[in-house]
Protein backbone atom coordinates (compact mmCIF):
# COMPACT_ATOMS: atom_id res chain seq x y z
CA MET A 1 -165.31 -74.20 -159.16
CA ALA A 2 -162.48 -71.91 -160.28
CA THR A 3 -162.21 -73.81 -163.56
CA ASP A 4 -165.95 -73.43 -164.15
CA LEU A 5 -165.83 -69.69 -163.45
CA PHE A 6 -162.81 -69.32 -165.72
CA ALA A 7 -164.74 -71.11 -168.48
CA LEU A 8 -167.83 -68.98 -167.79
CA GLU A 9 -165.91 -65.77 -168.30
CA SER A 10 -164.21 -67.13 -171.41
CA THR A 11 -167.71 -67.85 -172.74
CA ILE A 12 -168.91 -64.35 -171.85
CA TYR A 13 -165.80 -62.94 -173.56
CA HIS A 14 -166.68 -64.99 -176.65
CA ILE A 15 -170.29 -63.75 -176.63
CA LEU A 16 -169.19 -60.12 -176.33
CA THR A 17 -166.40 -60.25 -178.93
CA GLY A 18 -167.53 -63.01 -181.28
CA ASN A 19 -164.18 -64.74 -180.76
CA SER A 20 -162.69 -67.15 -178.29
CA PRO A 21 -159.81 -65.68 -176.27
CA TYR A 22 -156.61 -66.02 -178.31
CA MET A 23 -158.45 -68.02 -181.01
CA GLU A 24 -155.66 -67.29 -183.50
CA LEU A 25 -153.06 -69.07 -181.37
CA PRO A 26 -152.35 -72.80 -181.01
CA ARG A 27 -153.83 -74.43 -177.91
CA ASP A 28 -150.46 -74.98 -176.21
CA GLU A 29 -149.62 -71.29 -176.60
CA VAL A 30 -153.00 -70.29 -175.13
CA GLU A 31 -152.44 -72.59 -172.16
CA ARG A 32 -148.99 -71.08 -171.60
CA LEU A 33 -150.41 -67.54 -171.68
CA TYR A 34 -153.14 -68.46 -169.20
CA GLU A 35 -150.64 -70.12 -166.87
CA GLU A 36 -148.65 -66.86 -166.94
CA LYS A 37 -151.90 -64.97 -166.19
CA ASN A 38 -151.54 -63.19 -169.51
CA PHE A 39 -155.15 -62.74 -170.62
CA PRO A 40 -156.70 -60.88 -173.56
CA ASP A 41 -157.54 -57.24 -172.92
CA ALA A 42 -161.13 -57.07 -171.70
CA SER A 43 -161.00 -53.49 -170.47
CA GLY A 44 -163.14 -52.11 -173.29
CA LEU A 45 -165.83 -54.75 -172.92
CA PRO A 46 -169.02 -54.43 -170.92
CA CYS A 47 -168.21 -56.13 -167.61
CA GLY A 48 -164.58 -56.48 -168.67
CA ASP A 49 -163.56 -56.06 -165.04
CA VAL A 50 -165.76 -59.02 -164.08
CA ILE A 51 -164.17 -61.13 -166.80
CA MET A 52 -160.70 -60.28 -165.50
CA LYS A 53 -161.68 -61.02 -161.89
CA CYS A 54 -162.78 -64.51 -162.89
CA TRP A 55 -159.71 -65.12 -165.00
CA LEU A 56 -157.57 -64.07 -162.03
CA CYS A 57 -159.59 -66.30 -159.65
CA GLU A 58 -160.75 -63.31 -157.59
CA ILE A 59 -164.38 -64.46 -157.68
CA ASP A 60 -165.48 -67.62 -155.92
CA LEU A 61 -169.11 -68.10 -156.92
CA ALA A 62 -171.21 -67.79 -160.06
CA GLN A 63 -173.68 -65.79 -157.96
CA GLN A 64 -171.00 -63.13 -157.49
CA VAL A 65 -170.59 -62.93 -161.27
CA SER A 66 -174.33 -62.53 -161.68
CA ASP A 67 -174.51 -59.87 -158.96
CA LEU A 68 -171.67 -57.86 -160.48
CA ILE A 69 -173.13 -58.02 -163.99
CA ARG A 70 -176.56 -57.00 -162.73
CA ALA A 71 -175.07 -54.11 -160.77
CA ARG A 72 -173.27 -52.90 -163.93
CA SER A 73 -176.46 -53.23 -165.97
CA ALA A 74 -178.47 -51.27 -163.39
CA ALA A 75 -175.86 -48.50 -163.41
CA ASP A 76 -176.11 -48.11 -167.20
């Protein structure tokens, strides 16, 4: 499940930025950065905090992602 949520947030990052995380780097370098928990800056993105929570494995269910995104959308 954690891998799926990580991929989900990487996809959301891609949708919001138009680029895959670290797309300019070779795959082995990207994997090393992720293993070190060194992720792209998402702080300026809508729901950037949700993206980071998934990347850091702080969210357990896709429903939590949905709930957080909906709560952010309702607040805007």
